[in-house]
Amino acid sequence: RLYEMGMVYLEMGMFDQACESFETAAADDDFSVRAHEMWGITLQRANRADEATAVLVRGLDFAKPGSREHHGLMYHLGMAHQATGDTDAAIECFRTINDVDPTYLDVGRRLAKLTAV
């Protein structure tokens, strides 16, 4: 229920309330990965990329490496790193996904753009 409330708050642009809901939902094993991902996304939308990075990294502890959930966390972590100007860390995140699933969202395009010199 808290996860769903977080989604409602996010849709309404109520970022602080959404973060509180996702943070609480993240304590539930059944919602931990999804809640961390949405919490990170919410923080990014609120222009709090440094906080998003920390949340998404914590979420990786709950996701099986190589899984779609792991890819989701890594993708948004890469975007958060981009937002903070940490291009090397963003490239590392997108490469991690690309090595397993090069068709995942627009990871190939993002990686190509970041590595083009």
PDB file of N, CA and C in Angstrom:
ATOM      1  N   ARG A   1       0.812  -1.198   0.000  1.00  0.00           N
ATOM      2  CA  ARG A   1       0.000   0.000   0.000  1.00  0.00           C
ATOM      3  C   ARG A   1       0.857   1.265   0.000  1.00  0.00           C
ATOM      4  N   LEU A   2       1.950   1.240   0.754  1.00  0.00           N
ATOM      5  CA  LEU A   2       2.836   2.409   0.795  1.00  0.00           C
ATOM      6  C   LEU A   2       3.499   2.649  -0.561  1.00  0.00           C
ATOM      7  N   TYR A   3       3.832   1.578  -1.243  1.00  0.00           N
ATOM      8  CA  TYR A   3       4.417   1.703  -2.582  1.00  0.00           C
ATOM      9  C   TYR A   3       3.417   2.393  -3.509  1.00  0.00           C
ATOM     10  N   GLU A   4       2.169   1.952  -3.465  1.00  0.00           N
ATOM     11  CA  GLU A   4       1.128   2.547  -4.307  1.00  0.00           C
ATOM     12  C   GLU A   4       0.910   4.018  -3.961  1.00  0.00           C
ATOM     13  N   MET A   5       0.960   4.336  -2.683  1.00  0.00           N
ATOM     14  CA  MET A   5       0.817   5.739  -2.275  1.00  0.00           C
ATOM     15  C   MET A   5       1.989   6.561  -2.810  1.00  0.00           C
ATOM     16  N   GLY A   6       3.185   5.983  -2.783  1.00  0.00           N
ATOM     17  CA  GLY A   6       4.348   6.664  -3.337  1.00  0.00           C
ATOM     18  C   GLY A   6       4.148   6.986  -4.806  1.00  0.00           C
ATOM     19  N   MET A   7       3.567   6.039  -5.543  1.00  0.00           N
ATOM     20  CA  MET A   7       3.303   6.263  -6.964  1.00  0.00           C
ATOM     21  C   MET A   7       2.310   7.408  -7.158  1.00  0.00           C
ATOM     22  N   VAL A   8       1.290   7.447  -6.324  1.00  0.00           N
ATOM     23  CA  VAL A   8       0.292   8.521  -6.411  1.00  0.00           C
ATOM     24  C   VAL A   8       0.947   9.868  -6.109  1.00  0.00           C
ATOM     25  N   TYR A   9       1.725   9.923  -5.043  1.00  0.00           N
ATOM     26  CA  TYR A   9       2.412  11.174  -4.695  1.00  0.00           C
ATOM     27  C   TYR A   9       3.357  11.605  -5.819  1.00  0.00           C
ATOM     28  N   LEU A  10       4.054  10.653  -6.407  1.00  0.00           N
ATOM     29  CA  LEU A  10       4.975  10.975  -7.501  1.00  0.00           C
ATOM     30  C   LEU A  10       4.214  11.576  -8.676  1.00  0.00           C
ATOM     31  N   GLU A  11       3.102  10.947  -9.041  1.00  0.00           N
ATOM     32  CA  GLU A  11       2.282  11.465 -10.148  1.00  0.00           C
ATOM     33  C   GLU A  11       1.785  12.880  -9.867  1.00  0.00           C
ATOM     34  N   MET A  12       1.559  13.187  -8.602  1.00  0.00           N
ATOM     35  CA  MET A  12       1.065  14.512  -8.216  1.00  0.00           C
ATOM     36  C   MET A  12       2.195  15.523  -8.051  1.00  0.00           C
ATOM     37  N   GLY A  13       3.445  15.060  -8.189  1.00  0.00           N
ATOM     38  CA  GLY A  13       4.575  15.954  -8.016  1.00  0.00           C
ATOM     39  C   GLY A  13       4.901  16.246  -6.564  1.00  0.00           C
ATOM     40  N   MET A  14       4.374  15.435  -5.670  1.00  0.00           N
ATOM     41  CA  MET A  14       4.620  15.597  -4.231  1.00  0.00           C
ATOM     42  C   MET A  14       5.825  14.721  -3.863  1.00  0.00           C
ATOM     43  N   PHE A  15       7.017  15.213  -4.204  1.00  0.00           N
ATOM     44  CA  PHE A  15       8.223  14.409  -4.133  1.00  0.00           C
ATOM     45  C   PHE A  15       8.611  13.994  -2.709  1.00  0.00           C
ATOM     46  N   ASP A  16       8.490  14.895  -1.751  1.00  0.00           N
ATOM     47  CA  ASP A  16       8.862  14.547  -0.377  1.00  0.00           C
ATOM     48  C   ASP A  16       7.974  13.432   0.174  1.00  0.00           C
ATOM     49  N   GLN A  17       6.674  13.532  -0.077  1.00  0.00           N
ATOM     50  CA  GLN A  17       5.757  12.501   0.393  1.00  0.00           C
ATOM     51  C   GLN A  17       6.007  11.177  -0.324  1.00  0.00           C
ATOM     52  N   ALA A  18       6.296  11.251  -1.622  1.00  0.00           N
ATOM     53  CA  ALA A  18       6.600  10.039  -2.388  1.00  0.00           C
ATOM     54  C   ALA A  18       7.847   9.371  -1.829  1.00  0.00           C
ATOM     55  N   CYS A  19       8.868  10.160  -1.538  1.00  0.00           N
ATOM     56  CA  CYS A  19      10.103   9.603  -0.977  1.00  0.00           C
ATOM     57  C   CYS A  19       9.843   8.906   0.351  1.00  0.00           C
ATOM     58  N   GLU A  20       9.035   9.523   1.195  1.00  0.00           N
ATOM     59  CA  GLU A  20       8.703   8.901   2.486  1.00  0.00           C
ATOM     60  C   GLU A  20       8.004   7.564   2.286  1.00  0.00           C
ATOM     61  N   SER A  21       7.064   7.512   1.373  1.00  0.00           N
ATOM     62  CA  SER A  21       6.334   6.269   1.110  1.00  0.00           C
ATOM     63  C   SER A  21       7.262   5.196   0.550  1.00  0.00           C
ATOM     64  N   PHE A  22       8.098   5.557  -0.422  1.00  0.00           N
ATOM     65  CA  PHE A  22       9.015   4.579  -1.009  1.00  0.00           C
ATOM     66  C   PHE A  22      10.052   4.112   0.006  1.00  0.00           C
ATOM     67  N   GLU A  23      10.508   5.024   0.845  1.00  0.00           N
ATOM     68  CA  GLU A  23      11.484   4.647   1.872  1.00  0.00           C
ATOM     69  C   GLU A  23      10.892   3.609   2.820  1.00  0.00           C
ATOM     70  N   THR A  24       9.671   3.825   3.234  1.00  0.00           N
ATOM     71  CA  THR A  24       9.014   2.868   4.130  1.00  0.00           C
ATOM     72  C   THR A  24       8.735   1.558   3.410  1.00  0.00           C
ATOM     73  N   ALA A  25       8.283   1.634   2.160  1.00  0.00           N
ATOM     74  CA  ALA A  25       7.994   0.431   1.385  1.00  0.00           C
ATOM     75  C   ALA A  25       9.260  -0.379   1.125  1.00  0.00           C
ATOM     76  N   ALA A  26      10.410   0.287   1.053  1.00  0.00           N
ATOM     77  CA  ALA A  26      11.680  -0.404   0.787  1.00  0.00           C
ATOM     78  C   ALA A  26      12.055  -1.373   1.900  1.00  0.00           C
ATOM     79  N   ALA A  27      11.475  -1.201   3.071  1.00  0.00           N
ATOM     80  CA  ALA A  27      11.750  -2.122   4.184  1.00  0.00           C
ATOM     81  C   ALA A  27      11.044  -3.468   4.009  1.00  0.00           C
ATOM     82  N   ASP A  28      10.066  -3.523   3.116  1.00  0.00           N
ATOM     83  CA  ASP A  28       9.321  -4.756   2.844  1.00  0.00           C
ATOM     84  C   ASP A  28      10.059  -5.541   1.758  1.00  0.00           C
ATOM     85  N   ASP A  29      10.448  -6.770   2.070  1.00  0.00           N
ATOM     86  CA  ASP A  29      11.212  -7.591   1.121  1.00  0.00           C
ATOM     87  C   ASP A  29      10.525  -7.718  -0.230  1.00  0.00           C
ATOM     88  N   ASP A  30       9.205  -7.768  -0.249  1.00  0.00           N
ATOM     89  CA  ASP A  30       8.465  -7.924  -1.499  1.00  0.00           C
ATOM     90  C   ASP A  30       8.525  -6.679  -2.384  1.00  0.00           C
ATOM     91  N   PHE A  31       8.825  -5.542  -1.814  1.00  0.00           N
ATOM     92  CA  PHE A  31       8.834  -4.282  -2.559  1.00  0.00           C
ATOM     93  C   PHE A  31      10.187  -3.582  -2.548  1.00  0.00           C
ATOM     94  N   SER A  32      11.178  -4.167  -1.913  1.00  0.00           N
ATOM     95  CA  SER A  32      12.439  -3.477  -1.693  1.00  0.00           C
ATOM     96  C   SER A  32      13.085  -2.967  -2.977  1.00  0.00           C
ATOM     97  N   VAL A  33      13.240  -3.824  -3.968  1.00  0.00           N
ATOM     98  CA  VAL A  33      13.912  -3.408  -5.202  1.00  0.00           C
ATOM     99  C   VAL A  33      13.098  -2.340  -5.914  1.00  0.00           C
ATOM    100  N   ARG A  34      11.810  -2.593  -6.106  1.00  0.00           N
ATOM    101  CA  ARG A  34      10.956  -1.625  -6.815  1.00  0.00           C
ATOM    102  C   ARG A  34      10.884  -0.301  -6.064  1.00  0.00           C
ATOM    103  N   ALA A  35      10.790  -0.374  -4.742  1.00  0.00           N
ATOM    104  CA  ALA A  35      10.689   0.855  -3.954  1.00  0.00           C
ATOM    105  C   ALA A  35      11.981   1.664  -4.031  1.00  0.00           C
ATOM    106  N   HIS A  36      13.128   0.994  -3.967  1.00  0.00           N
ATOM    107  CA  HIS A  36      14.392   1.719  -4.106  1.00  0.00           C
ATOM    108  C   HIS A  36      14.500   2.384  -5.482  1.00  0.00           C
ATOM    109  N   GLU A  37      14.085   1.653  -6.516  1.00  0.00           N
ATOM    110  CA  GLU A  37      14.160   2.226  -7.865  1.00  0.00           C
ATOM    111  C   GLU A  37      13.261   3.458  -7.976  1.00  0.00           C
ATOM    112  N   MET A  38      12.032   3.355  -7.519  1.00  0.00           N
ATOM    113  CA  MET A  38      11.111   4.488  -7.620  1.00  0.00           C
ATOM    114  C   MET A  38      11.519   5.636  -6.701  1.00  0.00           C
ATOM    115  N   TRP A  39      12.083   5.312  -5.561  1.00  0.00           N
ATOM    116  CA  TRP A  39      12.593   6.326  -4.641  1.00  0.00           C
ATOM    117  C   TRP A  39      13.717   7.103  -5.335  1.00  0.00           C
ATOM    118  N   GLY A  40      14.608   6.369  -5.996  1.00  0.00           N
ATOM    119  CA  GLY A  40      15.690   7.015  -6.737  1.00  0.00           C
ATOM    120  C   GLY A  40      15.175   7.877  -7.876  1.00  0.00           C
ATOM    121  N   ILE A  41      14.192   7.368  -8.600  1.00  0.00           N
ATOM    122  CA  ILE A  41      13.591   8.134  -9.693  1.00  0.00           C
ATOM    123  C   ILE A  41      12.955   9.409  -9.154  1.00  0.00           C
ATOM    124  N   THR A  42      12.266   9.293  -8.041  1.00  0.00           N
ATOM    125  CA  THR A  42      11.622  10.454  -7.425  1.00  0.00           C
ATOM    126  C   THR A  42      12.659  11.506  -7.052  1.00  0.00           C
ATOM    127  N   LEU A  43      13.751  11.069  -6.444  1.00  0.00           N
ATOM    128  CA  LEU A  43      14.806  12.010  -6.065  1.00  0.00           C
ATOM    129  C   LEU A  43      15.410  12.689  -7.296  1.00  0.00           C
ATOM    130  N   GLN A  44      15.553  11.941  -8.379  1.00  0.00           N
ATOM    131  CA  GLN A  44      16.070  12.548  -9.607  1.00  0.00           C
ATOM    132  C   GLN A  44      15.109  13.606 -10.128  1.00  0.00           C
ATOM    133  N   ARG A  45      13.819  13.295 -10.117  1.00  0.00           N
ATOM    134  CA  ARG A  45      12.830  14.269 -10.593  1.00  0.00           C
ATOM    135  C   ARG A  45      12.806  15.511  -9.722  1.00  0.00           C
ATOM    136  N   ALA A  46      13.188  15.350  -8.453  1.00  0.00           N
ATOM    137  CA  ALA A  46      13.244  16.481  -7.529  1.00  0.00           C
ATOM    138  C   ALA A  46      14.605  17.180  -7.588  1.00  0.00           C
ATOM    139  N   ASN A  47      15.414  16.836  -8.596  1.00  0.00           N
ATOM    140  CA  ASN A  47      16.750  17.427  -8.774  1.00  0.00           C
ATOM    141  C   ASN A  47      17.663  17.181  -7.575  1.00  0.00           C
ATOM    142  N   ARG A  48      17.578  15.966  -7.039  1.00  0.00           N
ATOM    143  CA  ARG A  48      18.409  15.572  -5.904  1.00  0.00           C
ATOM    144  C   ARG A  48      19.206  14.316  -6.306  1.00  0.00           C
ATOM    145  N   ALA A  49      20.010  14.473  -7.362  1.00  0.00           N
ATOM    146  CA  ALA A  49      20.714  13.338  -7.961  1.00  0.00           C
ATOM    147  C   ALA A  49      21.705  12.679  -7.010  1.00  0.00           C
ATOM    148  N   ASP A  50      22.366  13.456  -6.156  1.00  0.00           N
ATOM    149  CA  ASP A  50      23.303  12.857  -5.204  1.00  0.00           C
ATOM    150  C   ASP A  50      22.587  11.900  -4.260  1.00  0.00           C
ATOM    151  N   GLU A  51      21.429  12.306  -3.774  1.00  0.00           N
ATOM    152  CA  GLU A  51      20.640  11.437  -2.898  1.00  0.00           C
ATOM    153  C   GLU A  51      20.121  10.228  -3.674  1.00  0.00           C
ATOM    154  N   ALA A  52      19.720  10.451  -4.925  1.00  0.00           N
ATOM    155  CA  ALA A  52      19.232   9.355  -5.767  1.00  0.00           C
ATOM    156  C   ALA A  52      20.312   8.299  -5.935  1.00  0.00           C
ATOM    157  N   THR A  53      21.539   8.738  -6.149  1.00  0.00           N
ATOM    158  CA  THR A  53      22.658   7.810  -6.318  1.00  0.00           C
ATOM    159  C   THR A  53      22.786   6.904  -5.096  1.00  0.00           C
ATOM    160  N   ALA A  54      22.751   7.488  -3.912  1.00  0.00           N
ATOM    161  CA  ALA A  54      22.887   6.697  -2.682  1.00  0.00           C
ATOM    162  C   ALA A  54      21.756   5.683  -2.535  1.00  0.00           C
ATOM    163  N   VAL A  55      20.539   6.097  -2.823  1.00  0.00           N
ATOM    164  CA  VAL A  55      19.378   5.206  -2.707  1.00  0.00           C
ATOM    165  C   VAL A  55      19.471   4.057  -3.712  1.00  0.00           C
ATOM    166  N   LEU A  56      19.830   4.375  -4.938  1.00  0.00           N
ATOM    167  CA  LEU A  56      19.911   3.346  -5.978  1.00  0.00           C
ATOM    168  C   LEU A  56      21.025   2.350  -5.689  1.00  0.00           C
ATOM    169  N   VAL A  57      22.143   2.819  -5.162  1.00  0.00           N
ATOM    170  CA  VAL A  57      23.236   1.917  -4.783  1.00  0.00           C
ATOM    171  C   VAL A  57      22.771   0.972  -3.679  1.00  0.00           C
ATOM    172  N   ARG A  58      22.053   1.484  -2.700  1.00  0.00           N
ATOM    173  CA  ARG A  58      21.512   0.615  -1.627  1.00  0.00           C
ATOM    174  C   ARG A  58      20.551  -0.412  -2.207  1.00  0.00           C
ATOM    175  N   GLY A  59      19.761  -0.008  -3.194  1.00  0.00           N
ATOM    176  CA  GLY A  59      18.810  -0.922  -3.811  1.00  0.00           C
ATOM    177  C   GLY A  59      19.481  -2.095  -4.503  1.00  0.00           C
ATOM    178  N   LEU A  60      20.700  -1.887  -4.999  1.00  0.00           N
ATOM    179  CA  LEU A  60      21.420  -2.969  -5.676  1.00  0.00           C
ATOM    180  C   LEU A  60      21.674  -4.159  -4.745  1.00  0.00           C
ATOM    181  N   ASP A  61      21.717  -3.913  -3.442  1.00  0.00           N
ATOM    182  CA  ASP A  61      21.913  -5.003  -2.478  1.00  0.00           C
ATOM    183  C   ASP A  61      20.759  -5.999  -2.500  1.00  0.00           C
ATOM    184  N   PHE A  62      19.615  -5.596  -3.014  1.00  0.00           N
ATOM    185  CA  PHE A  62      18.419  -6.436  -2.990  1.00  0.00           C
ATOM    186  C   PHE A  62      18.079  -7.051  -4.341  1.00  0.00           C
ATOM    187  N   ALA A  63      18.823  -6.683  -5.380  1.00  0.00           N
ATOM    188  CA  ALA A  63      18.526  -7.170  -6.732  1.00  0.00           C
ATOM    189  C   ALA A  63      19.557  -8.216  -7.158  1.00  0.00           C
ATOM    190  N   LYS A  64      19.081  -9.229  -7.832  1.00  0.00           N
ATOM    191  CA  LYS A  64      19.972 -10.267  -8.351  1.00  0.00           C
ATOM    192  C   LYS A  64      20.748  -9.691  -9.535  1.00  0.00           C
ATOM    193  N   PRO A  65      22.086  -9.750  -9.497  1.00  0.00           N
ATOM    194  CA  PRO A  65      22.872  -9.227 -10.615  1.00  0.00           C
ATOM    195  C   PRO A  65      22.440  -9.851 -11.947  1.00  0.00           C
ATOM    196  N   GLY A  66      22.308  -9.008 -12.946  1.00  0.00           N
ATOM    197  CA  GLY A  66      21.904  -9.469 -14.270  1.00  0.00           C
ATOM    198  C   GLY A  66      20.409  -9.537 -14.486  1.00  0.00           C
ATOM    199  N   SER A  67      19.630  -9.381 -13.421  1.00  0.00           N
ATOM    200  CA  SER A  67      18.167  -9.431 -13.548  1.00  0.00           C
ATOM    201  C   SER A  67      17.647  -8.115 -14.114  1.00  0.00           C
ATOM    202  N   ARG A  68      16.413  -8.125 -14.588  1.00  0.00           N
ATOM    203  CA  ARG A  68      15.802  -6.894 -15.106  1.00  0.00           C
ATOM    204  C   ARG A  68      15.707  -5.846 -13.998  1.00  0.00           C
ATOM    205  N   GLU A  69      15.456  -6.297 -12.777  1.00  0.00           N
ATOM    206  CA  GLU A  69      15.385  -5.356 -11.657  1.00  0.00           C
ATOM    207  C   GLU A  69      16.747  -4.692 -11.443  1.00  0.00           C
ATOM    208  N   HIS A  70      17.805  -5.487 -11.542  1.00  0.00           N
ATOM    209  CA  HIS A  70      19.163  -4.968 -11.408  1.00  0.00           C
ATOM    210  C   HIS A  70      19.439  -3.956 -12.528  1.00  0.00           C
ATOM    211  N   HIS A  71      19.017  -4.313 -13.753  1.00  0.00           N
ATOM    212  CA  HIS A  71      19.192  -3.396 -14.884  1.00  0.00           C
ATOM    213  C   HIS A  71      18.482  -2.070 -14.622  1.00  0.00           C
ATOM    214  N   GLY A  72      17.265  -2.137 -14.097  1.00  0.00           N
ATOM    215  CA  GLY A  72      16.512  -0.912 -13.812  1.00  0.00           C
ATOM    216  C   GLY A  72      17.244  -0.015 -12.832  1.00  0.00           C
ATOM    217  N   LEU A  73      17.745  -0.613 -11.769  1.00  0.00           N
ATOM    218  CA  LEU A  73      18.494   0.167 -10.790  1.00  0.00           C
ATOM    219  C   LEU A  73      19.767   0.749 -11.409  1.00  0.00           C
ATOM    220  N   MET A  74      20.479  -0.069 -12.176  1.00  0.00           N
ATOM    221  CA  MET A  74      21.715   0.391 -12.805  1.00  0.00           C
ATOM    222  C   MET A  74      21.447   1.496 -13.833  1.00  0.00           C
ATOM    223  N   TYR A  75      20.360   1.354 -14.573  1.00  0.00           N
ATOM    224  CA  TYR A  75      20.005   2.361 -15.580  1.00  0.00           C
ATOM    225  C   TYR A  75      19.764   3.717 -14.910  1.00  0.00           C
ATOM    226  N   HIS A  76      18.958   3.711 -13.873  1.00  0.00           N
ATOM    227  CA  HIS A  76      18.657   4.975 -13.195  1.00  0.00           C
ATOM    228  C   HIS A  76      19.865   5.486 -12.414  1.00  0.00           C
ATOM    229  N   LEU A  77      20.706   4.578 -11.939  1.00  0.00           N
ATOM    230  CA  LEU A  77      21.949   4.991 -11.298  1.00  0.00           C
ATOM    231  C   LEU A  77      22.854   5.683 -12.319  1.00  0.00           C
ATOM    232  N   GLY A  78      22.925   5.127 -13.525  1.00  0.00           N
ATOM    233  CA  GLY A  78      23.697   5.760 -14.588  1.00  0.00           C
ATOM    234  C   GLY A  78      23.179   7.150 -14.895  1.00  0.00           C
ATOM    235  N   MET A  79      21.869   7.290 -14.943  1.00  0.00           N
ATOM    236  CA  MET A  79      21.279   8.605 -15.203  1.00  0.00           C
ATOM    237  C   MET A  79      21.586   9.579 -14.062  1.00  0.00           C
ATOM    238  N   ALA A  80      21.549   9.088 -12.826  1.00  0.00           N
ATOM    239  CA  ALA A  80      21.872   9.949 -11.680  1.00  0.00           C
ATOM    240  C   ALA A  80      23.335  10.383 -11.738  1.00  0.00           C
ATOM    241  N   HIS A  81      24.214   9.448 -12.096  1.00  0.00           N
ATOM    242  CA  HIS A  81      25.630   9.810 -12.237  1.00  0.00           C
ATOM    243  C   HIS A  81      25.805  10.865 -13.332  1.00  0.00           C
ATOM    244  N   GLN A  82      25.077  10.708 -14.431  1.00  0.00           N
ATOM    245  CA  GLN A  82      25.136  11.711 -15.503  1.00  0.00           C
ATOM    246  C   GLN A  82      24.717  13.073 -14.971  1.00  0.00           C
ATOM    247  N   ALA A  83      23.656  13.095 -14.200  1.00  0.00           N
ATOM    248  CA  ALA A  83      23.136  14.356 -13.672  1.00  0.00           C
ATOM    249  C   ALA A  83      24.122  15.043 -12.737  1.00  0.00           C
ATOM    250  N   THR A  84      24.959  14.257 -12.066  1.00  0.00           N
ATOM    251  CA  THR A  84      25.943  14.848 -11.156  1.00  0.00           C
ATOM    252  C   THR A  84      27.259  15.146 -11.864  1.00  0.00           C
ATOM    253  N   GLY A  85      27.336  14.797 -13.157  1.00  0.00           N
ATOM    254  CA  GLY A  85      28.548  15.054 -13.918  1.00  0.00           C
ATOM    255  C   GLY A  85      29.603  13.963 -13.817  1.00  0.00           C
ATOM    256  N   ASP A  86      29.260  12.833 -13.205  1.00  0.00           N
ATOM    257  CA  ASP A  86      30.203  11.720 -13.060  1.00  0.00           C
ATOM    258  C   ASP A  86      30.063  10.787 -14.266  1.00  0.00           C
ATOM    259  N   THR A  87      30.634  11.216 -15.381  1.00  0.00           N
ATOM    260  CA  THR A  87      30.497  10.497 -16.642  1.00  0.00           C
ATOM    261  C   THR A  87      31.088   9.090 -16.573  1.00  0.00           C
ATOM    262  N   ASP A  88      32.242   8.946 -15.932  1.00  0.00           N
ATOM    263  CA  ASP A  88      32.872   7.619 -15.844  1.00  0.00           C
ATOM    264  C   ASP A  88      31.977   6.616 -15.124  1.00  0.00           C
ATOM    265  N   ALA A  89      31.367   7.031 -14.029  1.00  0.00           N
ATOM    266  CA  ALA A  89      30.470   6.140 -13.290  1.00  0.00           C
ATOM    267  C   ALA A  89      29.226   5.824 -14.115  1.00  0.00           C
ATOM    268  N   ALA A  90      28.723   6.801 -14.853  1.00  0.00           N
ATOM    269  CA  ALA A  90      27.560   6.571 -15.717  1.00  0.00           C
ATOM    270  C   ALA A  90      27.893   5.550 -16.795  1.00  0.00           C
ATOM    271  N   ILE A  91      29.061   5.703 -17.420  1.00  0.00           N
ATOM    272  CA  ILE A  91      29.496   4.750 -18.443  1.00  0.00           C
ATOM    273  C   ILE A  91      29.584   3.345 -17.856  1.00  0.00           C
ATOM    274  N   GLU A  92      30.130   3.232 -16.674  1.00  0.00           N
ATOM    275  CA  GLU A  92      30.252   1.923 -16.019  1.00  0.00           C
ATOM    276  C   GLU A  92      28.878   1.284 -15.802  1.00  0.00           C
ATOM    277  N   CYS A  93      27.922   2.070 -15.359  1.00  0.00           N
ATOM    278  CA  CYS A  93      26.561   1.553 -15.145  1.00  0.00           C
ATOM    279  C   CYS A  93      25.950   1.062 -16.458  1.00  0.00           C
ATOM    280  N   PHE A  94      26.030   1.894 -17.483  1.00  0.00           N
ATOM    281  CA  PHE A  94      25.426   1.527 -18.767  1.00  0.00           C
ATOM    282  C   PHE A  94      26.150   0.345 -19.416  1.00  0.00           C
ATOM    283  N   ARG A  95      27.461   0.248 -19.232  1.00  0.00           N
ATOM    284  CA  ARG A  95      28.204  -0.908 -19.760  1.00  0.00           C
ATOM    285  C   ARG A  95      27.789  -2.194 -19.064  1.00  0.00           C
ATOM    286  N   THR A  96      27.549  -2.106 -17.768  1.00  0.00           N
ATOM    287  CA  THR A  96      27.117  -3.283 -17.009  1.00  0.00           C
ATOM    288  C   THR A  96      25.837  -3.856 -17.609  1.00  0.00           C
ATOM    289  N   ILE A  97      24.922  -2.987 -17.960  1.00  0.00           N
ATOM    290  CA  ILE A  97      23.668  -3.422 -18.580  1.00  0.00           C
ATOM    291  C   ILE A  97      23.924  -3.896 -20.008  1.00  0.00           C
ATOM    292  N   ASN A  98      24.644  -3.096 -20.773  1.00  0.00           N
ATOM    293  CA  ASN A  98      24.877  -3.380 -22.181  1.00  0.00           C
ATOM    294  C   ASN A  98      25.571  -4.732 -22.387  1.00  0.00           C
ATOM    295  N   ASP A  99      26.462  -5.104 -21.476  1.00  0.00           N
ATOM    296  CA  ASP A  99      27.171  -6.378 -21.587  1.00  0.00           C
ATOM    297  C   ASP A  99      26.226  -7.571 -21.487  1.00  0.00           C
ATOM    298  N   VAL A 100      25.135  -7.402 -20.752  1.00  0.00           N
ATOM    299  CA  VAL A 100      24.175  -8.491 -20.558  1.00  0.00           C
ATOM    300  C   VAL A 100      23.007  -8.384 -21.527  1.00  0.00           C
ATOM    301  N   ASP A 101      22.509  -7.165 -21.741  1.00  0.00           N
ATOM    302  CA  ASP A 101      21.330  -6.957 -22.590  1.00  0.00           C
ATOM    303  C   ASP A 101      21.452  -5.638 -23.357  1.00  0.00           C
ATOM    304  N   PRO A 102      22.097  -5.660 -24.521  1.00  0.00           N
ATOM    305  CA  PRO A 102      22.286  -4.427 -25.278  1.00  0.00           C
ATOM    306  C   PRO A 102      20.989  -3.819 -25.810  1.00  0.00           C
ATOM    307  N   THR A 103      19.873  -4.535 -25.707  1.00  0.00           N
ATOM    308  CA  THR A 103      18.592  -4.005 -26.179  1.00  0.00           C
ATOM    309  C   THR A 103      17.791  -3.345 -25.056  1.00  0.00           C
ATOM    310  N   TYR A 104      18.344  -3.277 -23.862  1.00  0.00           N
ATOM    311  CA  TYR A 104      17.619  -2.704 -22.729  1.00  0.00           C
ATOM    312  C   TYR A 104      17.438  -1.198 -22.923  1.00  0.00           C
ATOM    313  N   LEU A 105      16.190  -0.790 -23.025  1.00  0.00           N
ATOM    314  CA  LEU A 105      15.825   0.612 -23.217  1.00  0.00           C
ATOM    315  C   LEU A 105      16.748   1.279 -24.232  1.00  0.00           C
ATOM    316  N   ASP A 106      17.293   2.431 -23.898  1.00  0.00           N
ATOM    317  CA  ASP A 106      18.172   3.153 -24.817  1.00  0.00           C
ATOM    318  C   ASP A 106      19.617   3.133 -24.329  1.00  0.00           C
ATOM    319  N   VAL A 107      19.982   2.059 -23.614  1.00  0.00           N
ATOM    320  CA  VAL A 107      21.305   1.992 -22.993  1.00  0.00           C
ATOM    321  C   VAL A 107      22.424   2.069 -24.029  1.00  0.00           C
ATOM    322  N   GLY A 108      22.243   1.448 -25.178  1.00  0.00           N
ATOM    323  CA  GLY A 108      23.267   1.503 -26.221  1.00  0.00           C
ATOM    324  C   GLY A 108      23.496   2.916 -26.718  1.00  0.00           C
ATOM    325  N   ARG A 109      22.419   3.637 -26.928  1.00  0.00           N
ATOM    326  CA  ARG A 109      22.521   5.028 -27.389  1.00  0.00           C
ATOM    327  C   ARG A 109      23.179   5.901 -26.328  1.00  0.00           C
ATOM    328  N   ARG A 110      22.785   5.721 -25.091  1.00  0.00           N
ATOM    329  CA  ARG A 110      23.371   6.515 -24.005  1.00  0.00           C
ATOM    330  C   ARG A 110      24.864   6.240 -23.882  1.00  0.00           C
ATOM    331  N   LEU A 111      25.209   4.964 -23.951  1.00  0.00           N
ATOM    332  CA  LEU A 111      26.611   4.571 -23.848  1.00  0.00           C
ATOM    333  C   LEU A 111      27.427   5.158 -25.001  1.00  0.00           C
ATOM    334  N   ALA A 112      26.883   5.065 -26.215  1.00  0.00           N
ATOM    335  CA  ALA A 112      27.583   5.615 -27.385  1.00  0.00           C
ATOM    336  C   ALA A 112      27.784   7.125 -27.239  1.00  0.00           C
ATOM    337  N   LYS A 113      26.778   7.812 -26.752  1.00  0.00           N
ATOM    338  CA  LYS A 113      26.863   9.262 -26.594  1.00  0.00           C
ATOM    339  C   LYS A 113      27.913   9.646 -25.545  1.00  0.00           C
ATOM    340  N   LEU A 114      27.967   8.868 -24.461  1.00  0.00           N
ATOM    341  CA  LEU A 114      28.920   9.184 -23.401  1.00  0.00           C
ATOM    342  C   LEU A 114      30.357   8.832 -23.763  1.00  0.00           C
ATOM    343  N   THR A 115      30.532   7.855 -24.618  1.00  0.00           N
ATOM    344  CA  THR A 115      31.888   7.413 -24.953  1.00  0.00           C
ATOM    345  C   THR A 115      32.415   8.073 -26.218  1.00  0.00           C
ATOM    346  N   ALA A 116      31.576   8.805 -26.935  1.00  0.00           N
ATOM    347  CA  ALA A 116      32.030   9.525 -28.137  1.00  0.00           C
ATOM    348  C   ALA A 116      32.889  10.711 -27.710  1.00  0.00           C
ATOM    349  N   VAL A 117      34.024  10.806 -28.307  1.00  0.00           N
ATOM    350  CA  VAL A 117      34.938  11.905 -27.919  1.00  0.00           C
ATOM    351  C   VAL A 117      35.158  12.842 -29.074  1.00  0.00           C
TER     352      VAL A 117
END
